[in-house]
Amino acid sequence: MNKHKNYFSDFHPVTLLLYFLLLMIIIFLCDYGAVLVYAFISFSICVIYSEGIKAYIKALIYYIILTVVMGCFNCIFNHSGENVFLYVNDTPLTLESLFYGIYTGIMISCLLMWFRLFNRSVDNGKINYVIGRRFPVIGLIISMCFSFTKRFKRKLDNMQQSLYTFGFKKLSIKNASVTLNALMNVMLKDSVLTADSMTARGYGSKHRRLYDRYSFSIRDIIFIFISALLFICAVFFSQIIIPLILAPLFYNLYEEILWKYYQSKI
């Protein structure tokens, strides 16, 4: 499955941030049961639609490893529960602690997919638009943190290709240390240049006027109302978490069908 255009990112930044905030709250409110499974499946469908099946399978491997490690870790160090399935040196391993660790791994996996969807819909400009007006320094720091992963990975790939051309073809601790040292120097230098550049442009100054290219429309009000209604229903009825998470997917499908319809009329 190929990537699709993300029409959902065209919403107002306030609408997007409110929606993703509701999603994060509902993830933490999930009890350790079928609700987390519903959330994981729903997030998986959204990631597959937005990034493709290959990218999701690659990420799913890490999610499975994370869930297994969390389950084993919690089972070894937490011995609460009544159903003992194994004794290791007179230490009981219970099913309750195992399942609790697995559900914790699923919740963390949902949060990781939440960040993937968030980064795809909300860019640095939208974060600065919402937070940068009142808290310019905090807004800049948050936007830089969200973009750090992409920049880090891109620069790491470029450095690995450069080192490969210079003869560093074997994986070793020495090559990894050289790459890490160069990468840290470049990232620190970029951070200093970014700070100096924003200061020179008057970022955070009281007399600086901000460019506003976003407009709040009736569709934003409708989507906020629907999201809030689904959120309230999801608190009492766990199955409602599925349409709440899939709301951007439904909107993207609606816009895509509408676009195909208009194309057919040409």
C-alpha atoms as a PDB file:
ATOM      1  CA  MET A   1       0.000   0.000   0.000  1.00  0.00           C
ATOM      2  CA  ASN A   2       1.393   3.362  -1.028  1.00  0.00           C
ATOM      3  CA  LYS A   3       1.431   6.564   0.919  1.00  0.00           C
ATOM      4  CA  HIS A   4      -1.607   8.799   0.603  1.00  0.00           C
ATOM      5  CA  LYS A   5      -1.971  12.550   0.789  1.00  0.00           C
ATOM      6  CA  ASN A   6      -2.653  13.682   4.323  1.00  0.00           C
ATOM      7  CA  TYR A   7      -5.641  16.027   3.995  1.00  0.00           C
ATOM      8  CA  PHE A   8      -6.008  15.975   7.770  1.00  0.00           C
ATOM      9  CA  SER A   9      -2.886  18.136   8.126  1.00  0.00           C
ATOM     10  CA  ASP A  10      -4.765  21.013   6.452  1.00  0.00           C
ATOM     11  CA  PHE A  11      -6.789  21.605   9.610  1.00  0.00           C
ATOM     12  CA  HIS A  12      -6.011  24.567  11.840  1.00  0.00           C
ATOM     13  CA  PRO A  13      -3.022  23.956  14.177  1.00  0.00           C
ATOM     14  CA  VAL A  14      -5.219  24.431  17.254  1.00  0.00           C
ATOM     15  CA  THR A  15      -7.597  21.748  15.967  1.00  0.00           C
ATOM     16  CA  LEU A  16      -4.743  19.331  15.334  1.00  0.00           C
ATOM     17  CA  LEU A  17      -3.119  19.878  18.728  1.00  0.00           C
ATOM     18  CA  LEU A  18      -6.427  19.501  20.560  1.00  0.00           C
ATOM     19  CA  TYR A  19      -7.183  16.265  18.734  1.00  0.00           C
ATOM     20  CA  PHE A  20      -3.780  14.708  19.401  1.00  0.00           C
ATOM     21  CA  LEU A  21      -3.998  15.852  23.023  1.00  0.00           C
ATOM     22  CA  LEU A  22      -7.315  13.988  23.354  1.00  0.00           C
ATOM     23  CA  LEU A  23      -5.706  10.906  21.829  1.00  0.00           C
ATOM     24  CA  MET A  24      -2.823  10.994  24.300  1.00  0.00           C
ATOM     25  CA  ILE A  25      -5.214  11.397  27.231  1.00  0.00           C
ATOM     26  CA  ILE A  26      -7.385   8.492  26.099  1.00  0.00           C
ATOM     27  CA  ILE A  27      -4.305   6.252  25.745  1.00  0.00           C
ATOM     28  CA  PHE A  28      -3.323   6.897  29.357  1.00  0.00           C
ATOM     29  CA  LEU A  29      -6.918   6.406  30.494  1.00  0.00           C
ATOM     30  CA  CYS A  30      -7.109   2.980  28.854  1.00  0.00           C
ATOM     31  CA  ASP A  31      -7.357   0.129  31.305  1.00  0.00           C
ATOM     32  CA  TYR A  32      -5.141  -2.870  30.719  1.00  0.00           C
ATOM     33  CA  GLY A  33      -7.472  -4.973  28.626  1.00  0.00           C
ATOM     34  CA  ALA A  34      -9.175  -5.067  25.281  1.00  0.00           C
ATOM     35  CA  VAL A  35      -9.158  -1.255  25.015  1.00  0.00           C
ATOM     36  CA  LEU A  36      -5.402  -1.176  24.437  1.00  0.00           C
ATOM     37  CA  VAL A  37      -5.798  -3.833  21.759  1.00  0.00           C
ATOM     38  CA  TYR A  38      -8.465  -1.690  20.075  1.00  0.00           C
ATOM     39  CA  ALA A  39      -6.118   1.310  20.248  1.00  0.00           C
ATOM     40  CA  PHE A  40      -3.157  -0.645  18.864  1.00  0.00           C
ATOM     41  CA  ILE A  41      -5.175  -1.971  15.911  1.00  0.00           C
ATOM     42  CA  SER A  42      -6.611   1.473  15.167  1.00  0.00           C
ATOM     43  CA  PHE A  43      -3.203   3.171  15.275  1.00  0.00           C
ATOM     44  CA  SER A  44      -1.803   0.406  13.084  1.00  0.00           C
ATOM     45  CA  ILE A  45      -4.462   1.026  10.435  1.00  0.00           C
ATOM     46  CA  CYS A  46      -3.673   4.762  10.460  1.00  0.00           C
ATOM     47  CA  VAL A  47       0.080   4.151  10.122  1.00  0.00           C
ATOM     48  CA  ILE A  48      -0.437   1.659   7.283  1.00  0.00           C
ATOM     49  CA  TYR A  49      -2.617   4.151   5.429  1.00  0.00           C
ATOM     50  CA  SER A  50      -0.266   7.097   5.934  1.00  0.00           C
ATOM     51  CA  GLU A  51       3.158   5.446   5.567  1.00  0.00           C
ATOM     52  CA  GLY A  52       2.559   2.153   3.779  1.00  0.00           C
ATOM     53  CA  ILE A  53       2.642  -1.495   4.771  1.00  0.00           C
ATOM     54  CA  LYS A  54       6.423  -1.850   4.436  1.00  0.00           C
ATOM     55  CA  ALA A  55       7.167   0.967   6.869  1.00  0.00           C
ATOM     56  CA  TYR A  56       4.624  -0.426   9.307  1.00  0.00           C
ATOM     57  CA  ILE A  57       6.056  -3.959   9.207  1.00  0.00           C
ATOM     58  CA  LYS A  58       9.521  -2.554   9.848  1.00  0.00           C
ATOM     59  CA  ALA A  59       8.217  -0.643  12.862  1.00  0.00           C
ATOM     60  CA  LEU A  60       6.071  -3.575  14.013  1.00  0.00           C
ATOM     61  CA  ILE A  61       9.189  -5.676  14.579  1.00  0.00           C
ATOM     62  CA  TYR A  62      10.441  -3.141  17.130  1.00  0.00           C
ATOM     63  CA  TYR A  63       7.005  -2.933  18.747  1.00  0.00           C
ATOM     64  CA  ILE A  64       6.900  -6.709  19.185  1.00  0.00           C
ATOM     65  CA  ILE A  65      10.423  -6.769  20.649  1.00  0.00           C
ATOM     66  CA  LEU A  66       9.503  -3.900  22.978  1.00  0.00           C
ATOM     67  CA  THR A  67       6.337  -5.675  24.153  1.00  0.00           C
ATOM     68  CA  VAL A  68       8.152  -8.965  24.775  1.00  0.00           C
ATOM     69  CA  VAL A  69      10.965  -7.243  26.675  1.00  0.00           C
ATOM     70  CA  MET A  70       8.497  -5.285  28.809  1.00  0.00           C
ATOM     71  CA  GLY A  71       6.555  -8.464  29.577  1.00  0.00           C
ATOM     72  CA  CYS A  72       9.648 -10.425  30.588  1.00  0.00           C
ATOM     73  CA  PHE A  73      11.127  -7.527  32.553  1.00  0.00           C
ATOM     74  CA  ASN A  74       7.942  -6.967  34.550  1.00  0.00           C
ATOM     75  CA  CYS A  75       7.490 -10.696  35.103  1.00  0.00           C
ATOM     76  CA  ILE A  76      11.007 -11.040  36.543  1.00  0.00           C
ATOM     77  CA  PHE A  77      10.951  -8.024  38.864  1.00  0.00           C
ATOM     78  CA  ASN A  78       7.250  -7.866  39.769  1.00  0.00           C
ATOM     79  CA  HIS A  79       5.857 -10.935  41.507  1.00  0.00           C
ATOM     80  CA  SER A  80       2.361  -9.677  42.248  1.00  0.00           C
ATOM     81  CA  GLY A  81      -0.505 -11.979  41.352  1.00  0.00           C
ATOM     82  CA  GLU A  82      -2.098 -15.246  42.299  1.00  0.00           C
ATOM     83  CA  ASN A  83      -1.615 -17.416  39.197  1.00  0.00           C
ATOM     84  CA  VAL A  84       1.965 -18.710  39.352  1.00  0.00           C
ATOM     85  CA  PHE A  85       3.144 -20.460  36.195  1.00  0.00           C
ATOM     86  CA  LEU A  86       6.832 -20.964  37.045  1.00  0.00           C
ATOM     87  CA  TYR A  87       9.289 -20.892  39.964  1.00  0.00           C
ATOM     88  CA  VAL A  88      12.871 -19.731  39.407  1.00  0.00           C
ATOM     89  CA  ASN A  89      15.042 -20.261  42.507  1.00  0.00           C
ATOM     90  CA  ASP A  90      11.928 -20.182  44.686  1.00  0.00           C
ATOM     91  CA  THR A  91      10.865 -16.912  43.005  1.00  0.00           C
ATOM     92  CA  PRO A  92       7.303 -17.050  41.651  1.00  0.00           C
ATOM     93  CA  LEU A  93       6.552 -15.799  38.138  1.00  0.00           C
ATOM     94  CA  THR A  94       2.883 -14.881  37.827  1.00  0.00           C
ATOM     95  CA  LEU A  95       0.611 -14.496  34.821  1.00  0.00           C
ATOM     96  CA  GLU A  96      -0.701 -11.173  36.134  1.00  0.00           C
ATOM     97  CA  SER A  97       2.746  -9.546  36.098  1.00  0.00           C
ATOM     98  CA  LEU A  98       3.450 -11.008  32.645  1.00  0.00           C
ATOM     99  CA  PHE A  99       0.230  -9.662  31.153  1.00  0.00           C
ATOM    100  CA  TYR A 100       0.712  -6.306  32.880  1.00  0.00           C
ATOM    101  CA  GLY A 101       4.141  -5.947  31.256  1.00  0.00           C
ATOM    102  CA  ILE A 102       2.752  -6.960  27.858  1.00  0.00           C
ATOM    103  CA  TYR A 103      -0.038  -4.404  28.108  1.00  0.00           C
ATOM    104  CA  THR A 104       2.503  -1.761  29.134  1.00  0.00           C
ATOM    105  CA  GLY A 105       4.527  -2.566  26.019  1.00  0.00           C
ATOM    106  CA  ILE A 106       1.379  -2.246  23.901  1.00  0.00           C
ATOM    107  CA  MET A 107       0.631   1.149  25.460  1.00  0.00           C
ATOM    108  CA  ILE A 108       4.172   2.392  24.734  1.00  0.00           C
ATOM    109  CA  SER A 109       3.826   1.089  21.163  1.00  0.00           C
ATOM    110  CA  CYS A 110       0.582   3.073  20.806  1.00  0.00           C
ATOM    111  CA  LEU A 111       2.401   6.182  22.011  1.00  0.00           C
ATOM    112  CA  LEU A 112       5.184   5.611  19.472  1.00  0.00           C
ATOM    113  CA  MET A 113       2.622   5.335  16.681  1.00  0.00           C
ATOM    114  CA  TRP A 114       0.935   8.450  18.072  1.00  0.00           C
ATOM    115  CA  PHE A 115       4.214  10.319  17.591  1.00  0.00           C
ATOM    116  CA  ARG A 116       4.496   9.011  14.021  1.00  0.00           C
ATOM    117  CA  LEU A 117       1.036  10.313  13.160  1.00  0.00           C
ATOM    118  CA  PHE A 118       1.671  13.567  15.030  1.00  0.00           C
ATOM    119  CA  ASN A 119       4.895  14.264  13.126  1.00  0.00           C
ATOM    120  CA  ARG A 120       3.109  13.593   9.845  1.00  0.00           C
ATOM    121  CA  SER A 121       0.296  16.081  10.562  1.00  0.00           C
ATOM    122  CA  VAL A 122       1.920  18.772  12.745  1.00  0.00           C
ATOM    123  CA  ASP A 123       5.107  20.478  11.591  1.00  0.00           C
ATOM    124  CA  ASN A 124       7.345  23.002  13.337  1.00  0.00           C
ATOM    125  CA  GLY A 125       5.483  25.976  11.937  1.00  0.00           C
ATOM    126  CA  LYS A 126       2.188  24.837  13.437  1.00  0.00           C
ATOM    127  CA  ILE A 127       3.751  24.247  16.850  1.00  0.00           C
ATOM    128  CA  ASN A 128       5.354  27.693  16.802  1.00  0.00           C
ATOM    129  CA  TYR A 129       2.047  29.212  15.701  1.00  0.00           C
ATOM    130  CA  VAL A 130       0.193  27.845  18.736  1.00  0.00           C
ATOM    131  CA  ILE A 131       2.886  28.116  21.421  1.00  0.00           C
ATOM    132  CA  GLY A 132       5.363  30.628  20.004  1.00  0.00           C
ATOM    133  CA  ARG A 133       3.126  33.661  20.381  1.00  0.00           C
ATOM    134  CA  ARG A 134       2.994  33.559  24.173  1.00  0.00           C
ATOM    135  CA  PHE A 135       5.996  31.349  24.912  1.00  0.00           C
ATOM    136  CA  PRO A 136       8.452  31.744  22.006  1.00  0.00           C
ATOM    137  CA  VAL A 137      11.408  29.983  23.661  1.00  0.00           C
ATOM    138  CA  ILE A 138       9.312  27.000  24.784  1.00  0.00           C
ATOM    139  CA  GLY A 139       7.685  26.780  21.362  1.00  0.00           C
ATOM    140  CA  LEU A 140      11.054  26.751  19.622  1.00  0.00           C
ATOM    141  CA  ILE A 141      12.429  24.086  21.968  1.00  0.00           C
ATOM    142  CA  ILE A 142       9.384  21.825  21.476  1.00  0.00           C
ATOM    143  CA  SER A 143       9.460  22.194  17.696  1.00  0.00           C
ATOM    144  CA  MET A 144      13.197  21.409  17.630  1.00  0.00           C
ATOM    145  CA  CYS A 145      12.651  18.321  19.794  1.00  0.00           C
ATOM    146  CA  PHE A 146       9.998  16.943  17.425  1.00  0.00           C
ATOM    147  CA  SER A 147      12.200  17.544  14.386  1.00  0.00           C
ATOM    148  CA  PHE A 148      15.350  16.202  16.076  1.00  0.00           C
ATOM    149  CA  THR A 149      14.679  12.545  15.233  1.00  0.00           C
ATOM    150  CA  LYS A 150      14.269  13.150  11.497  1.00  0.00           C
ATOM    151  CA  ARG A 151      17.334  15.386  11.318  1.00  0.00           C
ATOM    152  CA  PHE A 152      19.359  12.934  13.409  1.00  0.00           C
ATOM    153  CA  LYS A 153      18.490   9.989  11.158  1.00  0.00           C
ATOM    154  CA  ARG A 154      19.104  11.962   7.957  1.00  0.00           C
ATOM    155  CA  LYS A 155      22.520  13.181   9.081  1.00  0.00           C
ATOM    156  CA  LEU A 156      23.430   9.723  10.358  1.00  0.00           C
ATOM    157  CA  ASP A 157      22.653   8.198   6.946  1.00  0.00           C
ATOM    158  CA  ASN A 158      24.721  10.865   5.205  1.00  0.00           C
ATOM    159  CA  MET A 159      27.685  10.281   7.526  1.00  0.00           C
ATOM    160  CA  GLN A 160      27.538   6.531   7.111  1.00  0.00           C
ATOM    161  CA  GLN A 161      27.601   6.919   3.338  1.00  0.00           C
ATOM    162  CA  SER A 162      30.512   9.351   3.580  1.00  0.00           C
ATOM    163  CA  LEU A 163      32.492   7.041   5.865  1.00  0.00           C
ATOM    164  CA  TYR A 164      31.803   4.140   3.500  1.00  0.00           C
ATOM    165  CA  THR A 165      33.421   6.058   0.637  1.00  0.00           C
ATOM    166  CA  PHE A 166      36.495   6.713   2.830  1.00  0.00           C
ATOM    167  CA  GLY A 167      36.992   3.017   3.492  1.00  0.00           C
ATOM    168  CA  PHE A 168      35.061   2.494   6.738  1.00  0.00           C
ATOM    169  CA  LYS A 169      33.154  -0.500   5.387  1.00  0.00           C
ATOM    170  CA  LYS A 170      33.176  -2.839   8.397  1.00  0.00           C
ATOM    171  CA  LEU A 171      30.959  -2.430  11.425  1.00  0.00           C
ATOM    172  CA  SER A 172      33.102  -1.969  14.515  1.00  0.00           C
ATOM    173  CA  ILE A 173      33.191  -0.078  17.787  1.00  0.00           C
ATOM    174  CA  LYS A 174      35.852   2.256  16.375  1.00  0.00           C
ATOM    175  CA  ASN A 175      33.754   3.176  13.329  1.00  0.00           C
ATOM    176  CA  ALA A 176      30.664   3.643  15.498  1.00  0.00           C
ATOM    177  CA  SER A 177      32.547   5.946  17.877  1.00  0.00           C
ATOM    178  CA  VAL A 178      33.877   8.028  14.976  1.00  0.00           C
ATOM    179  CA  THR A 179      30.373   8.350  13.530  1.00  0.00           C
ATOM    180  CA  LEU A 180      28.831   9.233  16.897  1.00  0.00           C
ATOM    181  CA  ASN A 181      31.512  11.833  17.647  1.00  0.00           C
ATOM    182  CA  ALA A 182      31.085  13.520  14.271  1.00  0.00           C
ATOM    183  CA  LEU A 183      27.302  13.366  14.553  1.00  0.00           C
ATOM    184  CA  MET A 184      27.245  15.009  17.991  1.00  0.00           C
ATOM    185  CA  ASN A 185      29.550  17.786  16.790  1.00  0.00           C
ATOM    186  CA  VAL A 186      27.352  18.486  13.780  1.00  0.00           C
ATOM    187  CA  MET A 187      24.109  18.458  15.795  1.00  0.00           C
ATOM    188  CA  LEU A 188      25.537  20.775  18.469  1.00  0.00           C
ATOM    189  CA  LYS A 189      26.835  23.132  15.796  1.00  0.00           C
ATOM    190  CA  ASP A 190      23.429  23.177  14.075  1.00  0.00           C
ATOM    191  CA  SER A 191      21.733  23.936  17.406  1.00  0.00           C
ATOM    192  CA  VAL A 192      24.032  26.929  18.001  1.00  0.00           C
ATOM    193  CA  LEU A 193      23.506  28.193  14.448  1.00  0.00           C
ATOM    194  CA  THR A 194      19.722  27.834  14.842  1.00  0.00           C
ATOM    195  CA  ALA A 195      19.755  29.775  18.110  1.00  0.00           C
ATOM    196  CA  ASP A 196      21.923  32.563  16.634  1.00  0.00           C
ATOM    197  CA  SER A 197      19.767  32.703  13.499  1.00  0.00           C
ATOM    198  CA  MET A 198      16.505  32.995  15.457  1.00  0.00           C
ATOM    199  CA  THR A 199      18.007  35.688  17.701  1.00  0.00           C
ATOM    200  CA  ALA A 200      19.193  37.676  14.665  1.00  0.00           C
ATOM    201  CA  ARG A 201      15.697  37.515  13.190  1.00  0.00           C
ATOM    202  CA  GLY A 202      14.199  38.914  16.366  1.00  0.00           C
ATOM    203  CA  TYR A 203      12.436  35.737  17.443  1.00  0.00           C
ATOM    204  CA  GLY A 204      10.796  36.262  20.829  1.00  0.00           C
ATOM    205  CA  SER A 205      10.959  40.028  20.647  1.00  0.00           C
ATOM    206  CA  LYS A 206       7.841  41.890  21.766  1.00  0.00           C
ATOM    207  CA  HIS A 207       7.946  44.138  18.698  1.00  0.00           C
ATOM    208  CA  ARG A 208       8.214  41.266  16.242  1.00  0.00           C
ATOM    209  CA  ARG A 209       5.067  40.544  14.206  1.00  0.00           C
ATOM    210  CA  LEU A 210       4.255  36.936  13.415  1.00  0.00           C
ATOM    211  CA  TYR A 211       3.109  35.802  10.005  1.00  0.00           C
ATOM    212  CA  ASP A 212      -0.323  34.185  10.204  1.00  0.00           C
ATOM    213  CA  ARG A 213      -1.240  31.872   7.338  1.00  0.00           C
ATOM    214  CA  TYR A 214      -3.860  29.777   9.136  1.00  0.00           C
ATOM    215  CA  SER A 215      -7.584  30.460   9.272  1.00  0.00           C
ATOM    216  CA  PHE A 216     -10.124  28.870  11.621  1.00  0.00           C
ATOM    217  CA  SER A 217     -13.111  27.579   9.626  1.00  0.00           C
ATOM    218  CA  ILE A 218     -16.427  25.854  10.260  1.00  0.00           C
ATOM    219  CA  ARG A 219     -14.898  22.444   9.524  1.00  0.00           C
ATOM    220  CA  ASP A 220     -12.498  22.941  12.437  1.00  0.00           C
ATOM    221  CA  ILE A 221     -15.411  23.632  14.767  1.00  0.00           C
ATOM    222  CA  ILE A 222     -17.270  20.553  13.509  1.00  0.00           C
ATOM    223  CA  PHE A 223     -14.228  18.315  13.873  1.00  0.00           C
ATOM    224  CA  ILE A 224     -13.453  19.591  17.391  1.00  0.00           C
ATOM    225  CA  PHE A 225     -17.076  18.978  18.402  1.00  0.00           C
ATOM    226  CA  ILE A 226     -17.076  15.437  16.961  1.00  0.00           C
ATOM    227  CA  SER A 227     -13.703  14.619  18.540  1.00  0.00           C
ATOM    228  CA  ALA A 228     -14.807  15.889  21.960  1.00  0.00           C
ATOM    229  CA  LEU A 229     -18.058  13.913  21.702  1.00  0.00           C
ATOM    230  CA  LEU A 230     -16.204  10.724  20.734  1.00  0.00           C
ATOM    231  CA  PHE A 231     -13.713  11.306  23.546  1.00  0.00           C
ATOM    232  CA  ILE A 232     -16.470  11.605  26.151  1.00  0.00           C
ATOM    233  CA  CYS A 233     -18.181   8.483  24.795  1.00  0.00           C
ATOM    234  CA  ALA A 234     -14.874   6.582  24.748  1.00  0.00           C
ATOM    235  CA  VAL A 235     -14.412   7.242  28.467  1.00  0.00           C
ATOM    236  CA  PHE A 236     -17.614   5.298  29.188  1.00  0.00           C
ATOM    237  CA  PHE A 237     -17.717   2.926  26.197  1.00  0.00           C
ATOM    238  CA  SER A 238     -14.315   1.509  25.287  1.00  0.00           C
ATOM    239  CA  GLN A 239     -15.279   0.541  21.723  1.00  0.00           C
ATOM    240  CA  ILE A 240     -15.718   4.211  20.800  1.00  0.00           C
ATOM    241  CA  ILE A 241     -11.943   4.586  20.941  1.00  0.00           C
ATOM    242  CA  ILE A 242     -11.793   3.017  17.471  1.00  0.00           C
ATOM    243  CA  PRO A 243     -13.696   5.775  15.594  1.00  0.00           C
ATOM    244  CA  LEU A 244     -11.897   8.405  17.697  1.00  0.00           C
ATOM    245  CA  ILE A 245      -8.470   7.205  16.549  1.00  0.00           C
ATOM    246  CA  LEU A 246      -9.642   6.537  12.981  1.00  0.00           C
ATOM    247  CA  ALA A 247     -11.252   9.985  12.597  1.00  0.00           C
ATOM    248  CA  PRO A 248      -8.310  11.409  10.533  1.00  0.00           C
ATOM    249  CA  LEU A 249      -8.407   8.298   8.332  1.00  0.00           C
ATOM    250  CA  PHE A 250     -12.137   8.729   7.697  1.00  0.00           C
ATOM    251  CA  TYR A 251     -11.578  12.378   6.828  1.00  0.00           C
ATOM    252  CA  ASN A 252      -8.722  11.536   4.437  1.00  0.00           C
ATOM    253  CA  LEU A 253     -10.861   8.906   2.720  1.00  0.00           C
ATOM    254  CA  TYR A 254     -13.716  11.391   2.396  1.00  0.00           C
ATOM    255  CA  GLU A 255     -11.455  14.024   0.831  1.00  0.00           C
ATOM    256  CA  GLU A 256      -9.860  11.479  -1.483  1.00  0.00           C
ATOM    257  CA  ILE A 257     -13.228  10.205  -2.695  1.00  0.00           C
ATOM    258  CA  LEU A 258     -14.382  13.806  -3.172  1.00  0.00           C
ATOM    259  CA  TRP A 259     -11.239  14.586  -5.171  1.00  0.00           C
ATOM    260  CA  LYS A 260     -11.747  11.529  -7.394  1.00  0.00           C
ATOM    261  CA  TYR A 261     -15.351  12.575  -7.927  1.00  0.00           C
ATOM    262  CA  TYR A 262     -14.358  16.083  -9.019  1.00  0.00           C
ATOM    263  CA  GLN A 263     -11.704  14.642 -11.334  1.00  0.00           C
ATOM    264  CA  SER A 264     -14.292  12.449 -12.994  1.00  0.00           C
ATOM    265  CA  LYS A 265     -16.402  15.534 -13.717  1.00  0.00           C
ATOM    266  CA  ILE A 266     -13.594  17.226 -15.669  1.00  0.00           C
END
